[in-house]
Amino acid sequence: MGMAFLANLVAFGLVYSFGIFLKPLASEYGWSRSVTAGAFGFYGILHTLLAPFAGRLCDRFGPRLVLTIAGFCLGLPMILMGYTTTLWELYVYYGFLFSIGIAGEYVPVMSTVLQWFKAKRGFAIGLTAAGLGAGSFVFSPLSAWLITSFGWRKAYAIVGILSWVVFIPIVKFMKGVPREYKGSEELKGLSFSEAFSTKTFWIFGLTWFLGSITIWTTMIHFVPLATDRGMSIMAAGILAGIMGATSIIGRISSGFLSDKVGRKRILITEFSLQLITFIWFFFSTEIWMMYLFAVLFGISSGGWAGVIAAIPADYFGFRSTGSILGFANILAGVGVAIGPYIGGYIFDTTRSYDYMVFMCIIGTFGAIVSASLLRPPLKLLSSRQGQGQLI
């Protein structure tokens, strides 16, 4: 689990840092924020399209091969970003190469943890997902400091090399699922095609889609928003790091509690808290109010994000965990792609982020509704109830 946590920290630390680089990159070449954020949108779509293939490779060959490829494709595009001078390079380096890295990291890591842990699955997935928040906590202020000290080009090169250094032991020590687990009764869940044909799968995908819009629109545009309101990039980067730090609290606590009260209840509760947080942010006018938003948003968004990847194992079993999680991630990726782009377009059009925050309010409300509609597939309902499992 420690290696899985570290893998998520590095991979998603690089993802979250895009928002730190967005404004300096766009300003140097006069690109609009929507066009610049479009590279992140391209990444959002492509990495989720690649995720099912990563899941199938992991199911067949284990995590080490996939993570080796992923580690190489995480560091290389960051180094190349330092040489970016045109939009097509931005889209190729970040949108294409980096997508391969994230697709090859997230699904194998999360599906492997899901299969290793049974009795305390929610807590295990919450701890692993805490790596995402830790990544923001580490890389957001680090990237801001590097940009301030060395410029955005050298900053990209440094974080790229750093990711390679950290990923080497991850690949070496990451272990696949033991053979004795493969024949267990619990692995006889729904096949990918069976899960794909259920309403539960699509409701789950819609919930993840709406949640992804809200969290990634906010994370990518928060630093530009904060600097537009007068904060320095270093202060804004620290604030983004606070979001990551408090999200660790949300991810771990929600994972632990979801084993006690069920994943669905946690999803609804955390989305409800996030809704209140966005409404607060919409009316925020003072710096201290932004700090409070950062804390509450980190806890609430980290709370639902920390348990959502465990739901496929709960509802569909372990027969095709990697494939199901990978395809569901496509739906989430659409939200990752369109949210930041629309946020940038809203700013380019109105010169304000107010309507973007309102969009996040609507998206969060939709996520609450869809999460409340989640029901276990009929094929597994009787067996789950017989085992007394909370979902």
Protein backbone atom coordinates (compact mmCIF):
# COMPACT_ATOMS: atom_id res chain seq x y z
CA MET A 1 0.00 0.00 0.00
CA GLY A 2 2.92 2.33 0.69
CA MET A 3 4.18 2.03 -2.88
CA ALA A 4 0.65 2.60 -4.22
CA PHE A 5 0.35 5.74 -2.09
CA LEU A 6 3.70 7.00 -3.38
CA ALA A 7 2.78 6.27 -7.00
CA ASN A 8 -0.38 8.34 -6.69
CA LEU A 9 1.54 11.13 -4.96
CA VAL A 10 3.98 11.49 -7.84
CA ALA A 11 1.53 10.99 -10.70
CA PHE A 12 -1.21 13.27 -9.44
CA GLY A 13 1.19 15.77 -7.97
CA LEU A 14 2.20 16.35 -11.60
CA VAL A 15 -1.46 16.53 -12.63
CA TYR A 16 -2.41 19.07 -9.98
CA SER A 17 0.62 21.21 -10.76
CA PHE A 18 -0.80 22.04 -14.21
CA GLY A 19 -2.89 24.76 -12.61
CA ILE A 20 0.29 26.33 -11.18
CA PHE A 21 1.91 26.46 -14.61
CA LEU A 22 -1.22 27.52 -16.51
CA LYS A 23 -1.05 31.29 -16.08
CA PRO A 24 2.75 31.70 -16.64
CA LEU A 25 2.58 29.45 -19.71
CA ALA A 26 -0.44 31.22 -21.20
CA SER A 27 0.94 34.68 -20.44
CA GLU A 28 4.30 34.09 -22.13
CA TYR A 29 2.75 33.20 -25.49
CA GLY A 30 -0.49 35.18 -25.27
CA TRP A 31 -2.63 32.04 -25.36
CA SER A 32 -6.15 32.20 -23.93
CA ARG A 33 -6.78 30.25 -20.76
CA SER A 34 -9.38 28.08 -22.48
CA VAL A 35 -6.94 27.04 -25.21
CA THR A 36 -4.16 26.42 -22.70
CA ALA A 37 -6.48 24.46 -20.42
CA GLY A 38 -7.56 22.57 -23.53
CA ALA A 39 -4.31 20.59 -23.30
CA PHE A 40 -5.46 19.39 -19.89
CA GLY A 41 -8.83 18.59 -21.44
CA PHE A 42 -7.13 16.53 -24.15
CA TYR A 43 -5.26 14.68 -21.42
CA GLY A 44 -8.54 14.18 -19.54
CA ILE A 45 -10.14 12.43 -22.51
CA LEU A 46 -7.16 10.45 -23.76
CA HIS A 47 -5.89 9.05 -20.46
CA THR A 48 -9.33 7.65 -19.71
CA LEU A 49 -9.62 6.11 -23.18
CA LEU A 50 -6.31 4.39 -22.49
CA ALA A 51 -7.33 3.34 -18.96
CA PRO A 52 -9.30 0.20 -20.00
CA PHE A 53 -6.26 -1.08 -21.91
CA ALA A 54 -4.08 -0.44 -18.87
CA GLY A 55 -6.63 -2.32 -16.77
CA ARG A 56 -6.62 -5.31 -19.11
CA LEU A 57 -2.82 -5.39 -19.21
CA CYS A 58 -2.75 -5.29 -15.42
CA ASP A 59 -5.33 -8.09 -15.16
CA ARG A 60 -3.23 -10.20 -17.52
CA PHE A 61 0.42 -9.38 -16.73
CA GLY A 62 0.35 -7.73 -13.31
CA PRO A 63 1.16 -4.14 -12.32
CA ARG A 64 4.94 -3.99 -12.73
CA LEU A 65 5.08 -3.96 -16.54
CA VAL A 66 2.37 -1.32 -16.80
CA LEU A 67 3.96 0.84 -14.09
CA THR A 68 7.33 0.71 -15.82
CA ILE A 69 5.80 2.23 -18.95
CA ALA A 70 3.81 4.68 -16.85
CA GLY A 71 6.84 5.94 -14.93
CA PHE A 72 8.75 6.69 -18.13
CA CYS A 73 5.75 8.55 -19.60
CA LEU A 74 5.28 10.64 -16.47
CA GLY A 75 8.76 12.17 -16.36
CA LEU A 76 9.52 12.53 -20.08
CA PRO A 77 6.67 14.93 -21.00
CA MET A 78 7.44 17.13 -17.98
CA ILE A 79 11.02 17.54 -19.22
CA LEU A 80 9.82 18.18 -22.77
CA MET A 81 7.35 20.79 -21.51
CA GLY A 82 10.34 22.97 -20.68
CA TYR A 83 11.05 23.22 -24.42
CA THR A 84 7.48 24.01 -25.46
CA THR A 85 7.10 26.96 -27.83
CA THR A 86 3.94 26.06 -29.77
CA LEU A 87 0.45 24.84 -28.95
CA TRP A 88 0.88 21.56 -30.81
CA GLU A 89 3.88 20.74 -28.63
CA LEU A 90 1.84 21.50 -25.50
CA TYR A 91 -0.92 19.15 -26.66
CA VAL A 92 1.49 16.38 -27.69
CA TYR A 93 3.69 16.48 -24.59
CA TYR A 94 1.00 16.97 -21.97
CA GLY A 95 -2.13 15.82 -23.76
CA PHE A 96 -0.67 12.67 -25.37
CA LEU A 97 2.51 11.43 -23.65
CA PHE A 98 1.45 12.35 -20.14
CA SER A 99 -1.90 10.62 -20.71
CA ILE A 100 -0.10 7.33 -21.23
CA GLY A 101 1.67 7.79 -17.92
CA ILE A 102 -1.45 8.51 -15.88
CA ALA A 103 -3.49 5.74 -17.54
CA GLY A 104 -0.73 3.27 -16.77
CA GLU A 105 -0.48 4.41 -13.15
CA TYR A 106 -3.95 4.96 -11.71
CA VAL A 107 -5.94 1.91 -12.80
CA PRO A 108 -3.23 -0.72 -12.08
CA VAL A 109 -2.48 0.85 -8.68
CA MET A 110 -6.09 1.14 -7.53
CA SER A 111 -7.24 -2.22 -8.90
CA THR A 112 -4.27 -3.98 -7.28
CA VAL A 113 -5.05 -2.45 -3.89
CA LEU A 114 -8.73 -3.39 -4.29
CA GLN A 115 -7.77 -7.03 -4.81
CA TRP A 116 -5.22 -7.16 -1.99
CA PHE A 117 -7.57 -5.85 0.71
CA LYS A 118 -10.97 -7.32 1.52
CA ALA A 119 -12.10 -6.76 5.12
CA LYS A 120 -11.01 -3.10 5.23
CA ARG A 121 -11.22 -2.29 1.55
CA GLY A 122 -12.59 1.24 2.03
CA PHE A 123 -9.84 2.19 4.46
CA ALA A 124 -7.18 0.73 2.15
CA ILE A 125 -8.46 2.55 -0.91
CA GLY A 126 -8.80 5.74 1.13
CA LEU A 127 -5.18 5.55 2.25
CA THR A 128 -4.05 4.86 -1.31
CA ALA A 129 -6.17 7.69 -2.70
CA ALA A 130 -4.69 9.99 -0.06
CA GLY A 131 -1.64 9.96 -2.29
CA LEU A 132 -3.55 12.21 -4.69
CA GLY A 133 -4.02 14.82 -1.99
CA ALA A 134 -0.45 14.41 -0.82
CA GLY A 135 0.65 15.01 -4.40
CA SER A 136 -1.12 18.36 -4.47
CA PHE A 137 0.25 19.20 -1.02
CA VAL A 138 3.82 18.53 -2.17
CA PHE A 139 3.87 19.52 -5.83
CA SER A 140 1.65 22.64 -5.81
CA PRO A 141 3.81 24.76 -3.48
CA LEU A 142 6.97 23.11 -4.82
CA SER A 143 6.04 24.03 -8.40
CA ALA A 144 5.15 27.58 -7.36
CA TRP A 145 8.53 27.94 -5.62
CA LEU A 146 10.42 26.48 -8.58
CA ILE A 147 8.63 28.81 -11.00
CA THR A 148 9.39 31.82 -8.81
CA SER A 149 13.04 30.79 -8.39
CA PHE A 150 13.98 29.36 -11.80
CA GLY A 151 11.16 30.10 -14.24
CA TRP A 152 8.49 27.72 -15.50
CA ARG A 153 10.74 25.95 -18.05
CA LYS A 154 13.38 24.79 -15.57
CA ALA A 155 10.63 24.07 -13.04
CA TYR A 156 9.06 21.56 -15.43
CA ALA A 157 12.42 19.85 -16.02
CA ILE A 158 13.09 19.54 -12.29
CA VAL A 159 9.72 17.96 -11.44
CA GLY A 160 10.13 15.59 -14.40
CA ILE A 161 13.49 14.32 -13.21
CA LEU A 162 12.16 14.10 -9.65
CA SER A 163 9.28 11.89 -10.77
CA TRP A 164 11.71 9.44 -12.39
CA VAL A 165 13.86 9.24 -9.27
CA VAL A 166 10.87 8.47 -7.06
CA PHE A 167 9.22 6.00 -9.46
CA ILE A 168 12.18 3.60 -9.67
CA PRO A 169 11.57 1.97 -6.25
CA ILE A 170 7.82 1.97 -6.87
CA VAL A 171 8.17 -0.31 -9.89
CA LYS A 172 10.61 -2.56 -8.04
CA PHE A 173 8.50 -3.13 -4.93
CA MET A 174 4.94 -3.04 -6.31
CA LYS A 175 3.51 -6.56 -6.01
CA GLY A 176 0.69 -8.17 -7.94
CA VAL A 177 -2.17 -10.13 -6.42
CA PRO A 178 -1.12 -13.55 -5.01
CA ARG A 179 -2.11 -16.59 -7.03
CA GLU A 180 -4.23 -18.00 -4.23
CA TYR A 181 -6.48 -14.92 -4.49
CA LYS A 182 -7.20 -15.63 -8.13
CA GLY A 183 -9.39 -18.62 -7.46
CA SER A 184 -11.31 -17.21 -4.52
CA GLU A 185 -15.08 -17.12 -4.55
CA GLU A 186 -15.12 -13.34 -4.33
CA LEU A 187 -13.40 -13.04 -7.69
CA LYS A 188 -16.47 -14.62 -9.33
CA GLY A 189 -18.27 -11.32 -9.73
CA LEU A 190 -19.74 -9.89 -12.89
CA SER A 191 -17.79 -9.93 -16.11
CA PHE A 192 -17.08 -6.62 -17.81
CA SER A 193 -19.91 -7.12 -20.32
CA GLU A 194 -22.36 -8.02 -17.56
CA ALA A 195 -21.44 -4.96 -15.52
CA PHE A 196 -21.56 -2.76 -18.62
CA SER A 197 -25.19 -3.74 -19.25
CA THR A 198 -26.44 -2.74 -15.78
CA LYS A 199 -28.00 0.58 -14.78
CA THR A 200 -25.71 0.61 -11.78
CA PHE A 201 -22.64 0.94 -13.97
CA TRP A 202 -23.98 3.99 -15.82
CA ILE A 203 -25.31 5.69 -12.71
CA PHE A 204 -21.92 5.17 -11.11
CA GLY A 205 -20.24 6.59 -14.22
CA LEU A 206 -22.54 9.63 -14.20
CA THR A 207 -21.75 10.29 -10.54
CA TRP A 208 -18.02 10.13 -11.21
CA PHE A 209 -18.45 12.31 -14.33
CA LEU A 210 -20.24 15.09 -12.45
CA GLY A 211 -17.84 14.90 -9.52
CA SER A 212 -14.86 15.11 -11.86
CA ILE A 213 -16.19 18.28 -13.45
CA THR A 214 -16.38 19.99 -10.09
CA ILE A 215 -13.06 18.90 -8.64
CA TRP A 216 -10.85 19.37 -11.70
CA THR A 217 -12.39 22.65 -12.83
CA THR A 218 -11.61 23.98 -9.38
CA MET A 219 -8.11 22.55 -9.08
CA ILE A 220 -6.96 23.75 -12.51
CA HIS A 221 -8.35 27.27 -12.24
CA PHE A 222 -8.04 27.96 -8.52
CA VAL A 223 -4.50 29.37 -8.67
CA PRO A 224 -5.25 31.66 -11.66
CA LEU A 225 -8.44 32.75 -9.86
CA ALA A 226 -6.55 33.47 -6.65
CA THR A 227 -3.79 35.43 -8.41
CA ASP A 228 -6.43 37.41 -10.31
CA ARG A 229 -7.76 38.44 -6.90
CA GLY A 230 -4.39 39.77 -5.84
CA MET A 231 -2.56 36.81 -4.28
CA SER A 232 1.00 36.01 -5.26
CA ILE A 233 1.59 32.77 -7.15
CA MET A 234 3.51 31.44 -4.13
CA ALA A 235 0.61 32.20 -1.75
CA ALA A 236 -1.87 30.71 -4.21
CA GLY A 237 0.31 27.62 -4.58
CA ILE A 238 0.40 27.19 -0.80
CA LEU A 239 -3.39 27.51 -0.74
CA ALA A 240 -3.65 24.79 -3.39
CA GLY A 241 -1.33 22.71 -1.23
CA ILE A 242 -3.70 23.21 1.70
CA MET A 243 -6.47 21.74 -0.44
CA GLY A 244 -4.29 18.70 -1.01
CA ALA A 245 -3.36 18.40 2.66
CA THR A 246 -6.94 18.58 3.91
CA SER A 247 -8.07 16.20 1.18
CA ILE A 248 -5.84 13.58 2.82
CA ILE A 249 -8.00 13.90 5.92
CA GLY A 250 -11.13 13.47 3.81
CA ARG A 251 -9.81 10.49 1.88
CA ILE A 252 -8.58 8.51 4.88
CA SER A 253 -11.54 9.27 7.16
CA SER A 254 -14.12 8.58 4.44
CA GLY A 255 -12.40 5.32 3.56
CA PHE A 256 -12.46 4.22 7.18
CA LEU A 257 -16.08 5.28 7.73
CA SER A 258 -17.26 3.73 4.45
CA ASP A 259 -16.33 0.30 5.82
CA LYS A 260 -18.68 1.02 8.72
CA VAL A 261 -21.66 2.80 7.14
CA GLY A 262 -21.32 2.04 3.41
CA ARG A 263 -19.78 3.78 0.40
CA LYS A 264 -23.05 5.27 -0.84
CA ARG A 265 -23.76 7.16 2.36
CA ILE A 266 -20.27 8.59 2.37
CA LEU A 267 -20.61 9.74 -1.25
CA ILE A 268 -23.87 11.56 -0.55
CA THR A 269 -22.54 13.13 2.65
CA GLU A 270 -19.31 14.39 1.08
CA PHE A 271 -21.04 15.72 -2.02
CA SER A 272 -23.49 17.57 0.24
CA LEU A 273 -20.60 19.16 2.15
CA GLN A 274 -18.96 20.08 -1.15
CA LEU A 275 -22.18 21.76 -2.29
CA ILE A 276 -22.26 23.93 0.83
CA THR A 277 -18.57 24.72 0.30
CA PHE A 278 -19.11 25.93 -3.27
CA ILE A 279 -22.03 28.11 -2.21
CA TRP A 280 -19.73 29.63 0.43
CA PHE A 281 -17.06 30.22 -2.22
CA PHE A 282 -19.55 31.87 -4.58
CA PHE A 283 -20.18 34.58 -2.00
CA SER A 284 -16.58 34.83 -0.73
CA THR A 285 -15.06 38.30 -0.92
CA GLU A 286 -12.19 38.15 1.61
CA ILE A 287 -8.89 36.26 1.58
CA TRP A 288 -9.71 34.43 4.83
CA MET A 289 -12.88 33.12 3.19
CA MET A 290 -10.75 31.59 0.43
CA TYR A 291 -8.60 29.84 3.04
CA LEU A 292 -11.70 28.39 4.67
CA PHE A 293 -12.94 27.27 1.26
CA ALA A 294 -9.61 25.55 0.58
CA VAL A 295 -9.87 23.57 3.82
CA LEU A 296 -13.51 22.55 3.38
CA PHE A 297 -13.17 21.79 -0.32
CA GLY A 298 -10.14 19.61 0.35
CA ILE A 299 -12.00 17.59 2.99
CA SER A 300 -15.22 17.19 0.99
CA SER A 301 -13.73 16.52 -2.45
CA GLY A 302 -11.12 14.22 -0.96
CA GLY A 303 -13.88 12.43 0.93
CA TRP A 304 -15.86 11.34 -2.10
CA ALA A 305 -12.81 10.86 -4.32
CA GLY A 306 -11.28 8.64 -1.67
CA VAL A 307 -14.01 6.00 -1.83
CA ILE A 308 -15.44 6.18 -5.34
CA ALA A 309 -12.82 3.83 -6.82
CA ALA A 310 -13.86 1.13 -4.32
CA ILE A 311 -17.45 1.02 -5.55
CA PRO A 312 -16.86 -1.24 -8.61
CA ALA A 313 -15.46 -3.98 -6.36
CA ASP A 314 -18.44 -3.62 -4.00
CA TYR A 315 -21.08 -3.69 -6.72
CA PHE A 316 -19.54 -5.94 -9.37
CA GLY A 317 -17.04 -8.16 -7.55
CA PHE A 318 -13.42 -8.84 -8.53
CA ARG A 319 -13.77 -10.83 -11.73
CA SER A 320 -12.87 -7.88 -13.99
CA THR A 321 -11.89 -5.15 -11.55
CA GLY A 322 -9.25 -3.50 -13.75
CA SER A 323 -11.40 -3.48 -16.87
CA ILE A 324 -14.54 -2.18 -15.13
CA LEU A 325 -12.64 0.50 -13.24
CA GLY A 326 -10.79 1.47 -16.40
CA PHE A 327 -13.92 1.93 -18.50
CA ALA A 328 -15.78 3.78 -15.76
CA ASN A 329 -12.78 6.06 -15.64
CA ILE A 330 -13.53 7.09 -19.23
CA LEU A 331 -16.78 8.67 -18.09
CA ALA A 332 -14.94 10.45 -15.31
CA GLY A 333 -12.33 11.57 -17.82
CA VAL A 334 -14.93 13.32 -19.93
CA GLY A 335 -15.66 15.44 -16.88
CA VAL A 336 -11.94 16.01 -16.32
CA ALA A 337 -11.67 17.19 -19.93
CA ILE A 338 -14.64 19.49 -20.35
CA GLY A 339 -14.69 21.06 -16.88
CA PRO A 340 -11.35 22.94 -17.02
CA TYR A 341 -11.94 23.93 -20.65
CA ILE A 342 -15.38 25.37 -19.91
CA GLY A 343 -13.93 27.13 -16.86
CA GLY A 344 -11.29 28.76 -19.08
CA TYR A 345 -13.87 29.64 -21.72
CA ILE A 346 -16.08 31.28 -19.08
CA PHE A 347 -13.15 33.42 -17.95
CA ASP A 348 -12.13 34.34 -21.49
CA THR A 349 -15.70 35.40 -22.24
CA THR A 350 -16.69 37.16 -19.01
CA ARG A 351 -13.26 37.99 -17.50
CA SER A 352 -14.62 36.44 -14.30
CA TYR A 353 -14.80 32.99 -12.71
CA ASP A 354 -18.19 33.56 -11.03
CA TYR A 355 -20.16 31.52 -13.55
CA MET A 356 -17.58 28.74 -13.30
CA VAL A 357 -18.23 28.45 -9.56
CA PHE A 358 -21.97 28.39 -10.26
CA MET A 359 -21.38 25.56 -12.75
CA CYS A 360 -19.63 23.61 -9.98
CA ILE A 361 -22.61 24.16 -7.70
CA ILE A 362 -24.96 22.67 -10.31
CA GLY A 363 -22.60 19.78 -11.00
CA THR A 364 -22.29 18.91 -7.32
CA PHE A 365 -26.07 18.92 -6.88
CA GLY A 366 -26.36 16.55 -9.84
CA ALA A 367 -23.78 14.25 -8.26
CA ILE A 368 -25.84 14.10 -5.06
CA VAL A 369 -28.91 13.06 -7.03
CA SER A 370 -27.11 10.40 -9.09
CA ALA A 371 -25.30 8.97 -6.04
CA SER A 372 -28.63 8.58 -4.26
CA LEU A 373 -29.84 6.41 -7.16
CA LEU A 374 -27.03 3.85 -6.86
CA ARG A 375 -28.32 0.30 -6.31
CA PRO A 376 -26.42 -3.02 -6.42
CA PRO A 377 -27.05 -5.10 -9.56
CA LEU A 378 -29.71 -7.78 -9.07
CA LYS A 379 -27.20 -10.53 -9.90
CA LEU A 380 -25.15 -9.69 -6.82
CA LEU A 381 -27.80 -8.23 -4.53
CA SER A 382 -28.85 -11.44 -2.82
CA SER A 383 -25.29 -12.64 -2.21
CA ARG A 384 -24.18 -9.26 -0.85
CA GLN A 385 -27.14 -9.05 1.50
CA GLY A 386 -26.48 -12.59 2.65
CA GLN A 387 -22.92 -11.62 3.56
CA GLY A 388 -24.14 -8.52 5.36
CA GLN A 389 -21.89 -6.17 3.34
CA LEU A 390 -22.50 -2.43 3.38
CA ILE A 391 -22.57 -0.72 0.01
